[in-house]
Amino acid sequence: QVQLVESGGGLVQPGGSLRLSCTASRFTLSMNWYRQAPGKERELVATIASIGGSTYYADFVKGRFTISRDNAKNTVYLQMNSLKPEDTAVYYCHTNIVRDYWGQGTQVTVSS
């Protein structure tokens, strides 16, 4: 069993920044951030490996978002810069250990 707890969402103006955090109850392998906007399917935003720290980014966030992790704290971060209104969504932390585990989600709203 793994519990994932996200934090750091909120309301920000276009062009602003937010940092999301996801703390796991135990060490995990690859960690992912997904997002889901109203009326849309959940989509993968970024991935980070447990060892070596290799990363993957969806094209729509490349150059703006950075995923990182602190294995000592079992925490993964998503630094989001140059936010756009289309980034508005609920952001979910995810990992897979035998089965999928999801956090409760944190709302990010980009609006002036």
Protein backbone atom coordinates (compact mmCIF):
# COMPACT_ATOMS: atom_id res chain seq x y z
CA GLN A 1 0.00 0.00 0.00
CA VAL A 2 1.13 3.51 -0.84
CA GLN A 3 -0.52 6.76 0.18
CA LEU A 4 0.16 9.84 -1.92
CA VAL A 5 -0.61 13.32 -0.62
CA GLU A 6 -0.40 16.35 -2.92
CA SER A 7 -0.16 20.00 -1.96
CA GLY A 8 0.69 23.34 -3.50
CA GLY A 9 -2.20 24.07 -5.85
CA GLY A 10 -4.01 27.36 -5.98
CA LEU A 11 -5.01 30.35 -8.06
CA VAL A 12 -2.32 32.10 -10.07
CA GLN A 13 -2.30 34.71 -12.83
CA PRO A 14 -1.14 33.85 -16.36
CA GLY A 15 2.63 33.87 -16.50
CA GLY A 16 2.91 33.01 -12.82
CA SER A 17 4.43 30.02 -11.06
CA LEU A 18 3.40 27.30 -8.64
CA ARG A 19 5.19 24.34 -7.11
CA LEU A 20 3.28 21.16 -6.43
CA SER A 21 4.49 18.55 -3.95
CA CYS A 22 3.55 14.90 -3.58
CA THR A 23 4.70 12.94 -0.54
CA ALA A 24 4.50 9.17 -0.56
CA SER A 25 4.16 6.95 2.49
CA ARG A 26 7.08 4.85 1.30
CA PHE A 27 9.81 4.80 -1.33
CA THR A 28 8.41 4.47 -4.83
CA LEU A 29 9.74 3.76 -8.28
CA SER A 30 8.79 6.06 -11.15
CA MET A 31 6.53 8.90 -10.13
CA ASN A 32 4.17 10.72 -12.43
CA TRP A 33 2.12 13.89 -12.50
CA TYR A 34 -1.17 13.77 -14.40
CA ARG A 35 -3.80 16.44 -14.85
CA GLN A 36 -7.47 16.50 -15.71
CA ALA A 37 -9.33 19.55 -16.91
CA PRO A 38 -13.15 19.76 -16.79
CA GLY A 39 -14.69 17.70 -19.57
CA LYS A 40 -11.35 16.28 -20.65
CA GLU A 41 -9.52 13.01 -20.13
CA ARG A 42 -6.73 12.71 -17.61
CA GLU A 43 -3.37 13.26 -19.31
CA LEU A 44 0.24 12.57 -18.38
CA VAL A 45 2.22 15.72 -17.62
CA ALA A 46 5.64 14.49 -16.46
CA THR A 47 7.50 11.42 -15.18
CA ILE A 48 10.64 10.94 -13.12
CA ALA A 49 12.51 7.70 -12.53
CA SER A 50 13.49 6.60 -9.03
CA ILE A 51 17.15 5.99 -9.80
CA GLY A 52 19.13 8.30 -12.03
CA GLY A 53 16.33 10.83 -12.17
CA SER A 54 15.60 10.56 -15.88
CA THR A 55 12.56 12.58 -16.83
CA TYR A 56 9.83 12.79 -19.43
CA TYR A 57 7.62 15.76 -20.25
CA ALA A 58 4.52 16.10 -22.35
CA ASP A 59 5.07 18.48 -25.24
CA PHE A 60 2.58 21.00 -23.86
CA VAL A 61 4.73 21.61 -20.74
CA LYS A 62 8.28 21.24 -22.09
CA GLY A 63 10.41 24.21 -21.17
CA ARG A 64 7.90 25.44 -18.58
CA PHE A 65 7.52 22.64 -16.03
CA THR A 66 10.23 20.78 -14.12
CA ILE A 67 9.75 17.52 -12.24
CA SER A 68 12.17 16.59 -9.47
CA ARG A 69 12.30 14.32 -6.45
CA ASP A 70 13.85 14.04 -3.01
CA ASN A 71 14.13 10.33 -2.25
CA ALA A 72 15.13 11.02 1.36
CA LYS A 73 11.71 12.63 1.84
CA ASN A 74 9.78 10.32 -0.53
CA THR A 75 8.62 13.51 -2.23
CA VAL A 76 8.25 14.51 -5.86
CA TYR A 77 7.82 18.09 -7.01
CA LEU A 78 6.41 19.79 -10.06
CA GLN A 79 7.69 23.32 -10.60
CA MET A 80 5.33 25.07 -12.98
CA ASN A 81 6.44 28.32 -14.59
CA SER A 82 4.92 30.53 -17.29
CA LEU A 83 1.51 29.16 -16.48
CA LYS A 84 -1.26 29.51 -19.04
CA PRO A 85 -5.04 29.42 -18.61
CA GLU A 86 -5.05 26.06 -20.40
CA ASP A 87 -2.96 24.62 -17.56
CA THR A 88 -6.02 24.91 -15.34
CA ALA A 89 -6.83 21.42 -14.08
CA VAL A 90 -6.75 19.09 -11.12
CA TYR A 91 -3.23 17.73 -10.85
CA TYR A 92 -2.71 14.18 -9.59
CA CYS A 93 0.35 12.37 -8.35
CA HIS A 94 0.61 8.75 -9.49
CA THR A 95 2.79 5.70 -9.10
CA ASN A 96 2.45 2.02 -9.89
CA ILE A 97 3.60 -0.70 -7.52
CA VAL A 98 1.75 -3.85 -8.61
CA ARG A 99 -1.26 -1.58 -9.08
CA ASP A 100 -1.98 2.11 -9.65
CA TYR A 101 -1.94 4.54 -6.75
CA TRP A 102 -3.30 8.08 -7.03
CA GLY A 103 -3.25 11.09 -4.79
CA GLN A 104 -6.40 13.03 -3.99
CA GLY A 105 -5.56 15.76 -6.50
CA THR A 106 -4.82 19.44 -6.12
CA GLN A 107 -6.59 22.20 -8.05
CA VAL A 108 -4.53 24.57 -10.18
CA THR A 109 -6.39 27.55 -11.61
CA VAL A 110 -4.67 30.00 -13.96
CA SER A 111 -6.77 33.09 -14.42
CA SER A 112 -6.54 36.85 -14.35
